[in-house]
Amino acid sequence: MTAAYQRSFPRFTHIRPVPQQFFYGRCGGVRYAATRFEPTPGATHEQLVGMQDEGSATKYFRGTPTGVWSYLATDGFPRAPHGCGDVPQIPESLAAAWGNCSVG
């Protein structure tokens, strides 16, 4: 997921998924994932500032049959009332299985 997100947003070179906030599943044979990111050591001041809002939003990804992940969408800020259930790129049944991406 990190590499897929960095392909779309190359300014974030020092990031990793936030622990225990990662969702993964299949729907109709298609792989999906969702996570938030946090800065890692080595992040510049500009990256830290950029991640203040960007890092608090969940990112959504889709896996290809060849194993490559692509970035699909980001939650709104603030987050929509139904979490990933409000993200049209995520199948409703998967969002329900993920508890609408609630982490707490």
C-alpha atoms as a PDB file:
ATOM      1  CA  MET A   1       0.000   0.000   0.000  1.00  0.00           C
ATOM      2  CA  THR A   2       2.817   2.363   0.826  1.00  0.00           C
ATOM      3  CA  ALA A   3       4.379   2.099  -2.640  1.00  0.00           C
ATOM      4  CA  ALA A   4       0.982   2.504  -4.340  1.00  0.00           C
ATOM      5  CA  TYR A   5       0.260   5.635  -2.319  1.00  0.00           C
ATOM      6  CA  GLN A   6       3.732   7.041  -2.979  1.00  0.00           C
ATOM      7  CA  ARG A   7       3.247   6.567  -6.738  1.00  0.00           C
ATOM      8  CA  SER A   8       0.221   8.867  -6.514  1.00  0.00           C
ATOM      9  CA  PHE A   9       1.731  11.253  -3.938  1.00  0.00           C
ATOM     10  CA  PRO A  10       5.524  11.124  -4.378  1.00  0.00           C
ATOM     11  CA  ARG A  11       6.133  13.917  -1.851  1.00  0.00           C
ATOM     12  CA  PHE A  12       5.418  11.439   0.980  1.00  0.00           C
ATOM     13  CA  THR A  13       8.623   9.414   0.971  1.00  0.00           C
ATOM     14  CA  HIS A  14       8.792   8.668   4.702  1.00  0.00           C
ATOM     15  CA  ILE A  15       5.484   7.013   5.617  1.00  0.00           C
ATOM     16  CA  ARG A  16       4.156   3.690   6.871  1.00  0.00           C
ATOM     17  CA  PRO A  17       0.691   2.295   7.637  1.00  0.00           C
ATOM     18  CA  VAL A  18      -0.584   3.147  11.105  1.00  0.00           C
ATOM     19  CA  PRO A  19      -0.421  -0.044  13.230  1.00  0.00           C
ATOM     20  CA  GLN A  20      -3.748  -1.798  13.839  1.00  0.00           C
ATOM     21  CA  GLN A  21      -5.564   0.418  11.330  1.00  0.00           C
ATOM     22  CA  PHE A  22      -5.239  -1.781   8.266  1.00  0.00           C
ATOM     23  CA  PHE A  23      -8.151  -3.470   6.512  1.00  0.00           C
ATOM     24  CA  TYR A  24      -7.864  -6.116   3.811  1.00  0.00           C
ATOM     25  CA  GLY A  25     -10.373  -8.262   1.966  1.00  0.00           C
ATOM     26  CA  ARG A  26     -11.682  -9.668  -1.296  1.00  0.00           C
ATOM     27  CA  CYS A  27     -14.966  -8.990  -2.968  1.00  0.00           C
ATOM     28  CA  GLY A  28     -15.906 -10.689  -6.214  1.00  0.00           C
ATOM     29  CA  GLY A  29     -12.322 -11.894  -6.607  1.00  0.00           C
ATOM     30  CA  VAL A  30     -10.927  -8.352  -6.335  1.00  0.00           C
ATOM     31  CA  ARG A  31      -8.573  -7.471  -3.473  1.00  0.00           C
ATOM     32  CA  TYR A  32      -9.109  -4.259  -1.521  1.00  0.00           C
ATOM     33  CA  ALA A  33      -7.246  -2.647   1.346  1.00  0.00           C
ATOM     34  CA  ALA A  34      -7.576   0.434   3.501  1.00  0.00           C
ATOM     35  CA  THR A  35      -5.180   2.124   5.900  1.00  0.00           C
ATOM     36  CA  ARG A  36      -4.027   5.420   7.320  1.00  0.00           C
ATOM     37  CA  PHE A  37      -0.384   6.487   7.159  1.00  0.00           C
ATOM     38  CA  GLU A  38       1.998   8.070   9.624  1.00  0.00           C
ATOM     39  CA  PRO A  39       5.410   9.661   9.098  1.00  0.00           C
ATOM     40  CA  THR A  40       8.549   7.635   9.718  1.00  0.00           C
ATOM     41  CA  PRO A  41      11.962   8.817  10.928  1.00  0.00           C
ATOM     42  CA  GLY A  42      13.585  10.972   8.284  1.00  0.00           C
ATOM     43  CA  ALA A  43      10.392  12.794   7.310  1.00  0.00           C
ATOM     44  CA  THR A  44      11.084  16.420   6.426  1.00  0.00           C
ATOM     45  CA  HIS A  45       9.276  19.344   8.008  1.00  0.00           C
ATOM     46  CA  GLU A  46       7.250  19.711   4.802  1.00  0.00           C
ATOM     47  CA  GLN A  47       6.236  16.034   4.919  1.00  0.00           C
ATOM     48  CA  LEU A  48       5.289  16.261   8.588  1.00  0.00           C
ATOM     49  CA  VAL A  49       3.088  19.278   7.917  1.00  0.00           C
ATOM     50  CA  GLY A  50       1.553  17.587   4.868  1.00  0.00           C
ATOM     51  CA  MET A  51       0.723  14.489   6.896  1.00  0.00           C
ATOM     52  CA  GLN A  52      -1.118  16.419   9.617  1.00  0.00           C
ATOM     53  CA  ASP A  53      -4.362  16.292   7.655  1.00  0.00           C
ATOM     54  CA  GLU A  54      -3.444  13.716   5.027  1.00  0.00           C
ATOM     55  CA  GLY A  55      -2.371  11.158   7.610  1.00  0.00           C
ATOM     56  CA  SER A  56      -5.643  11.351   9.493  1.00  0.00           C
ATOM     57  CA  ALA A  57      -7.660  10.226   6.463  1.00  0.00           C
ATOM     58  CA  THR A  58      -8.035   6.584   5.441  1.00  0.00           C
ATOM     59  CA  LYS A  59      -6.660   5.637   2.004  1.00  0.00           C
ATOM     60  CA  TYR A  60      -8.232   2.936  -0.161  1.00  0.00           C
ATOM     61  CA  PHE A  61      -6.493   0.575  -2.589  1.00  0.00           C
ATOM     62  CA  ARG A  62      -7.340  -2.104  -5.116  1.00  0.00           C
ATOM     63  CA  GLY A  63      -5.123  -5.031  -6.035  1.00  0.00           C
ATOM     64  CA  THR A  64      -4.595  -6.112  -9.621  1.00  0.00           C
ATOM     65  CA  PRO A  65      -4.430  -9.760 -10.722  1.00  0.00           C
ATOM     66  CA  THR A  66      -0.654  -9.307 -11.158  1.00  0.00           C
ATOM     67  CA  GLY A  67      -0.212  -8.351  -7.500  1.00  0.00           C
ATOM     68  CA  VAL A  68       0.248  -4.611  -7.978  1.00  0.00           C
ATOM     69  CA  TRP A  69      -1.758  -2.291  -5.756  1.00  0.00           C
ATOM     70  CA  SER A  70      -3.255   0.971  -6.963  1.00  0.00           C
ATOM     71  CA  TYR A  71      -4.543   3.911  -4.965  1.00  0.00           C
ATOM     72  CA  LEU A  72      -8.323   4.420  -5.297  1.00  0.00           C
ATOM     73  CA  ALA A  73      -9.502   7.152  -2.947  1.00  0.00           C
ATOM     74  CA  THR A  74      -9.123   8.972   0.350  1.00  0.00           C
ATOM     75  CA  ASP A  75     -11.795   9.578   2.976  1.00  0.00           C
ATOM     76  CA  GLY A  76     -13.100  13.078   3.187  1.00  0.00           C
ATOM     77  CA  PHE A  77     -11.844  15.343   5.915  1.00  0.00           C
ATOM     78  CA  PRO A  78     -13.538  15.191   8.287  1.00  0.00           C
ATOM     79  CA  ARG A  79     -14.419  11.563   7.784  1.00  0.00           C
ATOM     80  CA  ALA A  80     -17.853  10.762   6.337  1.00  0.00           C
ATOM     81  CA  PRO A  81     -20.449   9.497   8.835  1.00  0.00           C
ATOM     82  CA  HIS A  82     -20.368   5.922   7.483  1.00  0.00           C
ATOM     83  CA  GLY A  83     -16.590   5.687   7.030  1.00  0.00           C
ATOM     84  CA  CYS A  84     -15.638   3.431   4.149  1.00  0.00           C
ATOM     85  CA  GLY A  85     -19.341   2.743   3.623  1.00  0.00           C
ATOM     86  CA  ASP A  86     -19.448   6.235   2.096  1.00  0.00           C
ATOM     87  CA  VAL A  87     -16.561   5.573  -0.312  1.00  0.00           C
ATOM     88  CA  PRO A  88     -18.145   4.556  -3.642  1.00  0.00           C
ATOM     89  CA  GLN A  89     -15.041   2.645  -4.807  1.00  0.00           C
ATOM     90  CA  ILE A  90     -15.379   0.155  -1.917  1.00  0.00           C
ATOM     91  CA  PRO A  91     -18.094  -2.503  -2.336  1.00  0.00           C
ATOM     92  CA  GLU A  92     -20.867  -2.132   0.253  1.00  0.00           C
ATOM     93  CA  SER A  93     -20.538  -5.734   1.440  1.00  0.00           C
ATOM     94  CA  LEU A  94     -16.824  -5.283   2.101  1.00  0.00           C
ATOM     95  CA  ALA A  95     -17.351  -1.969   3.915  1.00  0.00           C
ATOM     96  CA  ALA A  96     -19.907  -3.736   6.110  1.00  0.00           C
ATOM     97  CA  ALA A  97     -17.477  -6.602   6.826  1.00  0.00           C
ATOM     98  CA  TRP A  98     -14.867  -4.000   7.792  1.00  0.00           C
ATOM     99  CA  GLY A  99     -17.318  -2.312  10.177  1.00  0.00           C
ATOM    100  CA  ASN A 100     -17.148   0.792   7.985  1.00  0.00           C
ATOM    101  CA  CYS A 101     -13.409   0.954   8.772  1.00  0.00           C
ATOM    102  CA  SER A 102     -14.005   1.844  12.397  1.00  0.00           C
ATOM    103  CA  VAL A 103     -10.932   1.477  14.548  1.00  0.00           C
ATOM    104  CA  GLY A 104     -12.330   2.285  17.840  1.00  0.00           C
END
